[in-house]
Amino acid sequence: MPRVVTKLTTAACLVVALIVATTSAPAQPAPAPPTNRAIADAEARMDRGRMLYDRGDLAGALAEFEQAYALTHAWQVLIFIGVAQSRLFRYAEALESFERYLADGGAAVPEAQRAQVLAEVAAVRAVVAEVEVVIEGASARLWIDDREVGASPFGKPFVVGPGQHRLRAERAGAEPRTETIELVSGERRRVELSLATRTTARATLAIEAHPGAAELFLDGKPLGVGPWRGELTPGGYAVSARLARHRSAVEQVALGDGQDRTVELTLEPLPDRSTPLHRRWQTWAVVGVAVAASATYGVLYATRYQPEVPIAWP
């Protein structure tokens, strides 16, 4: 285990203290200084992040560290973000965090800490692979494993973990290109993609549902649990989402040639039928209406017109 991890719990207190005295990287303009409230919030989040890390909740710890950094932009926090990302196998993000830590900290990074971070970077690079993607022609958008990484040309290779990866390139007016590659640790590969000119009209549709566990449908045909993205011929489509104990959501979509559209469907939860009748708000609403109606009728009955001339019955 890299030494930087053994220092994670003890160094956190030092990082929190340094947040107040944070200075920005010399090459970039200084952001607005954090408020006292932001600093206090960041201190609390660093404490929670350290606790979650010690308990093995790496995702929770990372979320706290990232929020602490967002509040203060303290470069000292980046090392904690990088370590958590590395342990979550998010190697590309970890390398970026470590490199930003060294760059933003500059000469203020203690030599011992710099050596530990460089050792961590070397350890990560030993288990990852790099893929250099070159797309011929005009700029095109690229997805790696269904995550958009930018538009060509790219300034540097992409860092990925060992194993199989799916590359997808898209450009307006061209047929999309998909290629699957398999990499091993330490490998660096160059992949060249060419996109043929599109001969038939196409459009791109992306569907997202909230909650994300909803099942998606296109013209009644199941697409699986979202999000979903695919190419379709231009025209009209019925997009829907279904989830247990939620109202289904449906939207009509019209796609034009070359259009790239995203549709978001929100499903509202249904009332909880397991709630006893006497505890449901609907029940008391009905009771309230009934009581109000009875009271109104009583008032009307008591104040209804009474004739003043007595009637002599036979």
Protein backbone atom coordinates (compact mmCIF):
# COMPACT_ATOMS: atom_id res chain seq x y z
CA MET A 1 0.00 0.00 0.00
CA PRO A 2 1.46 3.40 -0.92
CA ARG A 3 2.62 5.47 2.04
CA VAL A 4 0.24 8.29 1.17
CA VAL A 5 -2.65 6.08 2.27
CA THR A 6 -1.15 5.43 5.69
CA LYS A 7 -0.97 9.20 6.20
CA LEU A 8 -4.55 9.83 5.13
CA THR A 9 -6.15 9.87 8.55
CA THR A 10 -3.40 11.80 10.32
CA ALA A 11 -2.81 14.38 7.60
CA ALA A 12 -6.45 15.36 7.26
CA CYS A 13 -6.30 17.63 10.29
CA LEU A 14 -3.31 19.43 8.77
CA VAL A 15 -5.21 19.88 5.50
CA VAL A 16 -8.18 21.40 7.29
CA ALA A 17 -5.88 23.86 9.01
CA LEU A 18 -4.27 24.74 5.69
CA ILE A 19 -7.63 25.47 4.04
CA VAL A 20 -7.80 28.85 5.71
CA ALA A 21 -4.37 29.80 4.37
CA THR A 22 -4.94 28.38 0.90
CA THR A 23 -3.26 30.18 -1.98
CA SER A 24 -3.98 29.52 -5.64
CA ALA A 25 -1.59 28.26 -8.28
CA PRO A 26 0.84 30.98 -9.39
CA ALA A 27 -0.15 30.56 -13.07
CA GLN A 28 -3.86 31.15 -12.50
CA PRO A 29 -5.85 34.06 -11.05
CA ALA A 30 -6.86 33.56 -7.45
CA PRO A 31 -10.52 32.57 -6.91
CA ALA A 32 -12.62 34.51 -4.46
CA PRO A 33 -11.54 33.64 -0.91
CA PRO A 34 -13.93 31.28 0.88
CA THR A 35 -16.22 32.68 3.53
CA ASN A 36 -15.92 31.66 7.16
CA ARG A 37 -19.08 29.61 6.75
CA ALA A 38 -17.64 27.79 3.73
CA ILE A 39 -14.44 27.04 5.65
CA ALA A 40 -16.38 25.66 8.60
CA ASP A 41 -18.46 23.49 6.26
CA ALA A 42 -15.30 22.27 4.54
CA GLU A 43 -13.72 21.35 7.89
CA ALA A 44 -16.79 19.31 8.82
CA ARG A 45 -16.81 17.56 5.45
CA MET A 46 -13.13 16.68 5.74
CA ASP A 47 -13.82 15.14 9.15
CA ARG A 48 -16.73 13.12 7.75
CA GLY A 49 -14.69 12.09 4.73
CA ARG A 50 -11.86 10.84 6.93
CA MET A 51 -14.32 8.87 9.06
CA LEU A 52 -16.00 7.31 6.00
CA TYR A 53 -12.63 6.42 4.48
CA ASP A 54 -11.58 4.64 7.67
CA ARG A 55 -14.86 2.68 7.59
CA GLY A 56 -14.29 1.59 3.99
CA ASP A 57 -16.96 3.83 2.43
CA LEU A 58 -14.72 5.18 -0.31
CA ALA A 59 -17.53 6.63 -2.43
CA GLY A 60 -18.93 8.53 0.53
CA ALA A 61 -15.48 9.79 1.51
CA LEU A 62 -14.81 10.97 -2.03
CA ALA A 63 -18.08 12.89 -2.12
CA GLU A 64 -17.16 14.72 1.10
CA PHE A 65 -13.63 15.53 -0.09
CA GLU A 66 -14.92 16.83 -3.42
CA GLN A 67 -17.43 19.07 -1.69
CA ALA A 68 -14.74 20.42 0.64
CA TYR A 69 -12.65 21.28 -2.41
CA ALA A 70 -15.61 22.91 -4.16
CA LEU A 71 -16.17 25.11 -1.13
CA THR A 72 -12.57 26.29 -0.73
CA HIS A 73 -10.48 25.31 -3.78
CA ALA A 74 -7.78 24.31 -1.32
CA TRP A 75 -5.14 22.42 -3.33
CA GLN A 76 -4.25 20.40 -0.22
CA VAL A 77 -7.57 18.56 -0.51
CA LEU A 78 -6.73 17.23 -3.97
CA ILE A 79 -4.47 14.52 -2.58
CA PHE A 80 -7.37 13.05 -0.60
CA ILE A 81 -9.59 13.18 -3.66
CA GLY A 82 -6.92 11.41 -5.72
CA VAL A 83 -6.37 8.64 -3.18
CA ALA A 84 -10.11 7.93 -2.92
CA GLN A 85 -10.48 7.93 -6.71
CA SER A 86 -7.57 5.53 -7.05
CA ARG A 87 -9.05 3.10 -4.54
CA LEU A 88 -12.33 3.24 -6.48
CA PHE A 89 -10.43 2.27 -9.67
CA ARG A 90 -11.16 5.66 -11.23
CA TYR A 91 -7.59 5.87 -12.36
CA ALA A 92 -7.84 8.61 -14.97
CA GLU A 93 -9.51 10.96 -12.49
CA ALA A 94 -6.98 10.01 -9.80
CA LEU A 95 -4.06 10.91 -12.02
CA GLU A 96 -5.66 14.24 -12.86
CA SER A 97 -6.19 15.02 -9.16
CA PHE A 98 -2.60 14.12 -8.26
CA GLU A 99 -1.19 16.20 -11.12
CA ARG A 100 -3.34 19.18 -10.14
CA TYR A 101 -2.20 18.79 -6.55
CA LEU A 102 1.44 19.06 -7.61
CA ALA A 103 0.79 21.86 -10.11
CA ASP A 104 -1.45 24.00 -7.88
CA GLY A 105 0.66 23.46 -4.79
CA GLY A 106 3.89 24.23 -6.62
CA ALA A 107 6.78 25.01 -4.30
CA ALA A 108 4.45 24.89 -1.28
CA VAL A 109 4.18 21.09 -1.51
CA PRO A 110 6.54 19.56 1.07
CA GLU A 111 9.25 17.46 -0.54
CA ALA A 112 8.28 14.35 1.44
CA GLN A 113 4.66 14.71 0.32
CA ARG A 114 5.70 15.35 -3.27
CA ALA A 115 7.69 12.12 -3.27
CA GLN A 116 4.73 10.20 -1.90
CA VAL A 117 2.39 11.61 -4.55
CA LEU A 118 4.85 10.82 -7.34
CA ALA A 119 5.07 7.27 -6.01
CA GLU A 120 1.28 7.05 -6.04
CA VAL A 121 1.19 8.33 -9.63
CA ALA A 122 3.75 5.71 -10.66
CA ALA A 123 1.73 2.97 -8.94
CA VAL A 124 -1.44 4.01 -10.76
CA ARG A 125 0.29 4.25 -14.13
CA ALA A 126 1.66 0.75 -13.66
CA VAL A 127 -1.84 -0.76 -13.67
CA VAL A 128 -3.58 1.40 -16.27
CA ALA A 129 -3.43 1.59 -20.04
CA GLU A 130 -3.52 4.51 -22.44
CA VAL A 131 -5.40 4.81 -25.69
CA GLU A 132 -4.65 7.53 -28.21
CA VAL A 133 -7.69 8.16 -30.40
CA VAL A 134 -7.33 9.86 -33.77
CA ILE A 135 -10.50 10.64 -35.75
CA GLU A 136 -10.00 11.51 -39.40
CA GLY A 137 -11.63 14.58 -40.87
CA ALA A 138 -13.62 17.27 -39.11
CA SER A 139 -14.13 17.35 -35.36
CA ALA A 140 -16.20 14.48 -33.95
CA ARG A 141 -17.52 13.62 -30.49
CA LEU A 142 -16.13 10.60 -28.72
CA TRP A 143 -17.57 8.28 -26.08
CA ILE A 144 -15.52 5.75 -24.12
CA ASP A 145 -17.63 3.12 -22.38
CA ASP A 146 -20.76 5.28 -22.93
CA ARG A 147 -19.17 8.32 -21.24
CA GLU A 148 -18.57 11.34 -23.47
CA VAL A 149 -14.95 12.45 -23.21
CA GLY A 150 -14.89 15.38 -25.63
CA ALA A 151 -14.47 16.30 -29.28
CA SER A 152 -11.50 15.65 -31.55
CA PRO A 153 -8.70 16.46 -31.94
CA PHE A 154 -7.50 15.31 -28.53
CA GLY A 155 -4.40 16.71 -26.91
CA LYS A 156 -3.34 13.60 -25.05
CA PRO A 157 -4.13 9.88 -24.69
CA PHE A 158 -6.99 8.69 -22.52
CA VAL A 159 -6.16 6.73 -19.37
CA VAL A 160 -8.33 3.64 -18.90
CA GLY A 161 -8.21 0.54 -16.78
CA PRO A 162 -7.13 -2.81 -18.18
CA GLY A 163 -9.83 -4.81 -19.96
CA GLN A 164 -12.37 -4.24 -22.71
CA HIS A 165 -13.49 -0.76 -23.75
CA ARG A 166 -16.03 0.51 -26.27
CA LEU A 167 -15.21 3.55 -28.39
CA ARG A 168 -17.93 5.43 -30.26
CA ALA A 169 -17.42 8.45 -32.51
CA GLU A 170 -20.17 10.65 -33.94
CA ARG A 171 -20.22 13.58 -36.33
CA ALA A 172 -23.13 15.42 -37.90
CA GLY A 173 -23.77 14.11 -41.41
CA ALA A 174 -21.68 10.96 -40.91
CA GLU A 175 -22.40 7.41 -39.89
CA PRO A 176 -21.32 6.74 -36.30
CA ARG A 177 -18.34 4.48 -35.79
CA THR A 178 -18.04 2.00 -32.91
CA GLU A 179 -15.00 -0.07 -32.07
CA THR A 180 -14.23 -2.36 -29.16
CA ILE A 181 -10.66 -2.75 -27.92
CA GLU A 182 -9.03 -4.78 -25.16
CA LEU A 183 -6.02 -3.45 -23.28
CA VAL A 184 -3.65 -4.80 -20.66
CA SER A 185 -1.87 -2.92 -17.88
CA GLY A 186 0.89 -0.67 -19.10
CA GLU A 187 -0.20 -0.86 -22.75
CA ARG A 188 -0.42 2.22 -24.93
CA ARG A 189 -2.35 1.91 -28.17
CA ARG A 190 -3.21 4.24 -31.02
CA VAL A 191 -6.68 3.85 -32.52
CA GLU A 192 -7.66 5.58 -35.75
CA LEU A 193 -11.33 6.01 -36.57
CA SER A 194 -12.83 7.16 -39.85
CA LEU A 195 -16.48 8.11 -40.24
CA ALA A 196 -18.22 7.51 -43.55
CA THR A 197 -20.57 10.12 -44.96
CA ARG A 198 -24.15 9.32 -44.09
CA THR A 199 -26.30 8.21 -46.99
CA THR A 200 -29.60 7.96 -45.09
CA ALA A 201 -31.30 10.46 -42.82
CA ARG A 202 -30.61 9.79 -39.14
CA ALA A 203 -31.29 11.44 -35.80
CA THR A 204 -30.00 10.81 -32.29
CA LEU A 205 -32.23 10.43 -29.24
CA ALA A 206 -31.15 10.22 -25.60
CA ILE A 207 -33.65 9.26 -22.89
CA GLU A 208 -33.24 9.77 -19.16
CA ALA A 209 -35.72 8.90 -16.42
CA HIS A 210 -36.06 10.16 -12.87
CA PRO A 211 -35.86 7.99 -10.78
CA GLY A 212 -33.12 6.28 -12.77
CA ALA A 213 -34.41 2.78 -12.00
CA ALA A 214 -37.38 3.23 -14.35
CA GLU A 215 -37.69 1.00 -17.42
CA LEU A 216 -37.71 2.89 -20.73
CA PHE A 217 -39.88 2.20 -23.79
CA LEU A 218 -39.82 3.48 -27.35
CA ASP A 219 -43.10 3.06 -29.20
CA GLY A 220 -44.00 0.42 -26.64
CA LYS A 221 -40.81 -1.60 -27.15
CA PRO A 222 -38.65 -2.04 -24.03
CA LEU A 223 -35.22 -0.42 -24.04
CA GLY A 224 -34.16 -1.56 -20.57
CA VAL A 225 -33.34 0.52 -17.51
CA GLY A 226 -32.03 3.95 -18.53
CA PRO A 227 -30.33 6.07 -19.50
CA TRP A 228 -30.52 5.15 -23.20
CA ARG A 229 -29.02 6.70 -26.31
CA GLY A 230 -29.35 5.60 -29.91
CA GLU A 231 -29.80 6.57 -33.52
CA LEU A 232 -33.21 6.57 -35.21
CA THR A 233 -34.69 7.54 -38.52
CA PRO A 234 -36.33 10.98 -38.39
CA GLY A 235 -39.99 10.98 -37.46
CA GLY A 236 -42.35 10.79 -34.51
CA TYR A 237 -41.90 8.49 -31.52
CA ALA A 238 -43.66 7.78 -28.24
CA VAL A 239 -41.19 7.70 -25.34
CA SER A 240 -42.34 6.32 -22.00
CA ALA A 241 -40.99 5.19 -18.63
CA ARG A 242 -42.48 2.83 -16.06
CA LEU A 243 -41.59 2.05 -12.46
CA ALA A 244 -43.43 0.20 -9.73
CA ARG A 245 -45.44 2.43 -7.39
CA HIS A 246 -45.02 5.39 -9.77
CA ARG A 247 -47.22 6.98 -12.41
CA SER A 248 -45.96 6.18 -15.89
CA ALA A 249 -44.55 9.09 -17.90
CA VAL A 250 -45.13 9.44 -21.65
CA GLU A 251 -43.89 12.03 -24.13
CA GLN A 252 -44.29 12.38 -27.88
CA VAL A 253 -41.05 13.24 -29.67
CA ALA A 254 -40.51 14.49 -33.22
CA LEU A 255 -36.98 14.08 -34.61
CA GLY A 256 -35.58 15.87 -37.64
CA ASP A 257 -32.68 14.84 -39.83
CA GLY A 258 -29.40 15.25 -37.98
CA GLN A 259 -31.12 16.31 -34.77
CA ASP A 260 -29.60 15.31 -31.42
CA ARG A 261 -32.24 15.49 -28.70
CA THR A 262 -32.42 14.53 -25.05
CA VAL A 263 -35.74 13.69 -23.37
CA GLU A 264 -36.09 13.60 -19.58
CA LEU A 265 -39.07 11.80 -18.04
CA THR A 266 -40.07 12.33 -14.42
CA LEU A 267 -42.26 9.73 -12.70
CA GLU A 268 -44.39 10.83 -9.76
CA PRO A 269 -44.79 8.36 -6.87
CA LEU A 270 -48.25 6.93 -6.24
CA PRO A 271 -49.92 7.36 -2.83
CA ASP A 272 -48.91 4.74 -0.30
CA ARG A 273 -51.96 2.45 -0.09
CA SER A 274 -50.52 0.67 2.93
CA THR A 275 -51.30 3.68 5.13
CA PRO A 276 -54.34 3.01 7.39
CA LEU A 277 -57.53 4.71 6.29
CA HIS A 278 -57.72 6.94 9.35
CA ARG A 279 -54.12 8.19 8.75
CA ARG A 280 -54.50 9.16 5.09
CA TRP A 281 -54.81 12.87 4.36
CA GLN A 282 -57.39 12.09 1.69
CA THR A 283 -59.65 10.54 4.34
CA TRP A 284 -59.48 13.57 6.60
CA ALA A 285 -60.00 15.86 3.63
CA VAL A 286 -63.27 14.05 2.86
CA VAL A 287 -64.26 14.11 6.54
CA GLY A 288 -63.51 17.83 6.70
CA VAL A 289 -65.66 18.52 3.67
CA ALA A 290 -68.49 16.48 5.15
CA VAL A 291 -68.28 18.27 8.50
CA ALA A 292 -68.22 21.65 6.78
CA ALA A 293 -71.22 20.69 4.66
CA SER A 294 -73.16 19.51 7.74
CA ALA A 295 -72.39 22.71 9.60
CA THR A 296 -73.48 24.80 6.64
CA TYR A 297 -76.71 22.84 6.31
CA GLY A 298 -77.38 23.29 10.03
CA VAL A 299 -76.96 27.03 9.77
CA LEU A 300 -79.20 27.17 6.76
CA TYR A 301 -81.80 25.03 8.52
CA ALA A 302 -81.77 27.20 11.63
CA THR A 303 -82.01 30.43 9.67
CA ARG A 304 -84.40 29.32 6.92
CA TYR A 305 -87.42 31.51 6.21
CA GLN A 306 -90.18 31.21 8.83
CA PRO A 307 -93.66 32.58 7.86
CA GLU A 308 -95.06 35.06 10.40
CA VAL A 309 -98.76 34.30 9.70
CA PRO A 310 -99.96 31.21 11.58
CA ILE A 311 -101.81 28.61 9.62
CA ALA A 312 -105.11 27.29 11.01
CA TRP A 313 -105.21 23.64 10.16
CA PRO A 314 -108.66 22.08 9.68
